[in-house]
Amino acid sequence: MKKTNLRIDHFFVIEDGKQYFLTAIDELDEWKKKHNDLTKLKKKDVTKKLRKLMNHHNIYANVNFLINMNNDEEEVKIVDLEGGG
């Protein structure tokens, strides 16, 4: 299990094998401090949604997918984070 630089609606995502899970962490400083026992951070499985978004937009790192689920159709705003950290 490892941390990623992927976000959905500002919340960080962790990778467990070939699956992705949303966490409850949306603050960068807090995310940087997390190193051990990432299993406790696993919340919602977002594997299908995240893979679909990454493949559709051809972005696989340093991105925050902002998704508006209030409409019948998903409205996606992509914030591509330049650089790394």
C-alpha atoms as a PDB file:
ATOM      1  CA  MET A   1       0.000   0.000   0.000  1.00  0.00           C
ATOM      2  CA  LYS A   2       1.309   3.447  -0.883  1.00  0.00           C
ATOM      3  CA  LYS A   3       0.375   7.104  -0.927  1.00  0.00           C
ATOM      4  CA  THR A   4      -0.264   8.757  -4.283  1.00  0.00           C
ATOM      5  CA  ASN A   5      -0.305  12.324  -5.577  1.00  0.00           C
ATOM      6  CA  LEU A   6      -3.852  11.793  -6.863  1.00  0.00           C
ATOM      7  CA  ARG A   7      -6.891  13.509  -5.369  1.00  0.00           C
ATOM      8  CA  ILE A   8     -10.626  13.394  -5.845  1.00  0.00           C
ATOM      9  CA  ASP A   9     -12.513  16.455  -4.588  1.00  0.00           C
ATOM     10  CA  HIS A  10      -9.383  17.529  -2.688  1.00  0.00           C
ATOM     11  CA  PHE A  11      -9.107  14.215  -0.785  1.00  0.00           C
ATOM     12  CA  PHE A  12      -5.955  12.167  -1.231  1.00  0.00           C
ATOM     13  CA  VAL A  13      -6.014   8.663  -2.702  1.00  0.00           C
ATOM     14  CA  ILE A  14      -3.982   5.631  -1.625  1.00  0.00           C
ATOM     15  CA  GLU A  15      -3.067   2.722  -3.876  1.00  0.00           C
ATOM     16  CA  ASP A  16      -3.373  -0.859  -2.664  1.00  0.00           C
ATOM     17  CA  GLY A  17      -2.138  -3.199  -5.370  1.00  0.00           C
ATOM     18  CA  LYS A  18      -4.313  -2.381  -8.372  1.00  0.00           C
ATOM     19  CA  GLN A  19      -7.023  -0.667  -6.347  1.00  0.00           C
ATOM     20  CA  TYR A  20      -7.437   2.960  -5.308  1.00  0.00           C
ATOM     21  CA  PHE A  21      -9.099   4.163  -2.117  1.00  0.00           C
ATOM     22  CA  LEU A  22     -10.214   7.614  -1.081  1.00  0.00           C
ATOM     23  CA  THR A  23      -8.999   8.877   2.285  1.00  0.00           C
ATOM     24  CA  ALA A  24     -10.467  11.483   4.616  1.00  0.00           C
ATOM     25  CA  ILE A  25      -7.302  13.592   4.349  1.00  0.00           C
ATOM     26  CA  ASP A  26      -7.499  16.816   2.360  1.00  0.00           C
ATOM     27  CA  GLU A  27      -4.637  18.790   3.931  1.00  0.00           C
ATOM     28  CA  LEU A  28      -1.171  18.469   2.362  1.00  0.00           C
ATOM     29  CA  ASP A  29       0.704  18.875   5.649  1.00  0.00           C
ATOM     30  CA  GLU A  30      -1.316  16.091   7.239  1.00  0.00           C
ATOM     31  CA  TRP A  31      -0.772  13.873   4.160  1.00  0.00           C
ATOM     32  CA  LYS A  32       2.986  14.379   4.308  1.00  0.00           C
ATOM     33  CA  LYS A  33       3.056  13.197   7.943  1.00  0.00           C
ATOM     34  CA  LYS A  34       1.332   9.874   7.176  1.00  0.00           C
ATOM     35  CA  HIS A  35       3.820   7.063   6.662  1.00  0.00           C
ATOM     36  CA  ASN A  36       2.686   4.102   8.726  1.00  0.00           C
ATOM     37  CA  ASP A  37      -0.449   1.980   8.779  1.00  0.00           C
ATOM     38  CA  LEU A  38      -2.092   3.380   5.652  1.00  0.00           C
ATOM     39  CA  THR A  39      -4.737   0.650   5.986  1.00  0.00           C
ATOM     40  CA  LYS A  40      -6.525   2.770   8.585  1.00  0.00           C
ATOM     41  CA  LEU A  41      -6.867   5.565   6.022  1.00  0.00           C
ATOM     42  CA  LYS A  42      -8.774   3.471   3.464  1.00  0.00           C
ATOM     43  CA  LYS A  43     -12.326   4.714   2.989  1.00  0.00           C
ATOM     44  CA  LYS A  44     -14.244   4.417  -0.281  1.00  0.00           C
ATOM     45  CA  ASP A  45     -13.035   2.261  -3.195  1.00  0.00           C
ATOM     46  CA  VAL A  46     -12.704   4.661  -6.153  1.00  0.00           C
ATOM     47  CA  THR A  47     -10.809   2.341  -8.507  1.00  0.00           C
ATOM     48  CA  LYS A  48     -13.329   2.300 -11.384  1.00  0.00           C
ATOM     49  CA  LYS A  49     -14.055   6.023 -11.241  1.00  0.00           C
ATOM     50  CA  LEU A  50     -10.392   7.020 -10.953  1.00  0.00           C
ATOM     51  CA  ARG A  51      -9.178   4.737 -13.743  1.00  0.00           C
ATOM     52  CA  LYS A  52     -11.955   6.024 -16.011  1.00  0.00           C
ATOM     53  CA  LEU A  53     -10.985   9.644 -15.325  1.00  0.00           C
ATOM     54  CA  MET A  54      -7.252   9.040 -15.721  1.00  0.00           C
ATOM     55  CA  ASN A  55      -7.693   7.150 -19.001  1.00  0.00           C
ATOM     56  CA  HIS A  56     -10.224   9.611 -20.418  1.00  0.00           C
ATOM     57  CA  HIS A  57      -8.056  12.657 -19.694  1.00  0.00           C
ATOM     58  CA  ASN A  58      -4.706  10.885 -20.127  1.00  0.00           C
ATOM     59  CA  ILE A  59      -3.487  12.175 -16.751  1.00  0.00           C
ATOM     60  CA  TYR A  60      -2.014   9.685 -14.296  1.00  0.00           C
ATOM     61  CA  ALA A  61      -0.210  11.787 -11.670  1.00  0.00           C
ATOM     62  CA  ASN A  62      -0.264  15.169  -9.922  1.00  0.00           C
ATOM     63  CA  VAL A  63      -3.969  15.738 -10.437  1.00  0.00           C
ATOM     64  CA  ASN A  64      -7.028  16.677  -8.404  1.00  0.00           C
ATOM     65  CA  PHE A  65     -10.235  15.549 -10.120  1.00  0.00           C
ATOM     66  CA  LEU A  66     -13.079  17.811  -8.973  1.00  0.00           C
ATOM     67  CA  ILE A  67     -16.353  16.013  -9.533  1.00  0.00           C
ATOM     68  CA  ASN A  68     -19.812  17.556  -9.249  1.00  0.00           C
ATOM     69  CA  MET A  69     -22.230  14.712  -8.550  1.00  0.00           C
ATOM     70  CA  ASN A  70     -25.342  16.917  -8.131  1.00  0.00           C
ATOM     71  CA  ASN A  71     -26.376  16.577 -11.777  1.00  0.00           C
ATOM     72  CA  ASP A  72     -27.423  13.420 -13.612  1.00  0.00           C
ATOM     73  CA  GLU A  73     -24.164  13.642 -15.521  1.00  0.00           C
ATOM     74  CA  GLU A  74     -20.777  13.968 -13.920  1.00  0.00           C
ATOM     75  CA  GLU A  75     -19.169  17.345 -14.462  1.00  0.00           C
ATOM     76  CA  VAL A  76     -15.408  17.047 -14.124  1.00  0.00           C
ATOM     77  CA  LYS A  77     -12.973  19.890 -13.592  1.00  0.00           C
ATOM     78  CA  ILE A  78      -9.334  18.854 -13.704  1.00  0.00           C
ATOM     79  CA  VAL A  79      -6.640  20.679 -11.787  1.00  0.00           C
ATOM     80  CA  ASP A  80      -3.266  19.521 -13.083  1.00  0.00           C
ATOM     81  CA  LEU A  81      -0.634  20.174 -10.446  1.00  0.00           C
ATOM     82  CA  GLU A  82       2.638  21.147 -12.080  1.00  0.00           C
ATOM     83  CA  GLY A  83       5.816  20.019 -10.407  1.00  0.00           C
ATOM     84  CA  GLY A  84       6.053  17.436  -7.697  1.00  0.00           C
ATOM     85  CA  GLY A  85       6.481  17.052  -4.059  1.00  0.00           C
END
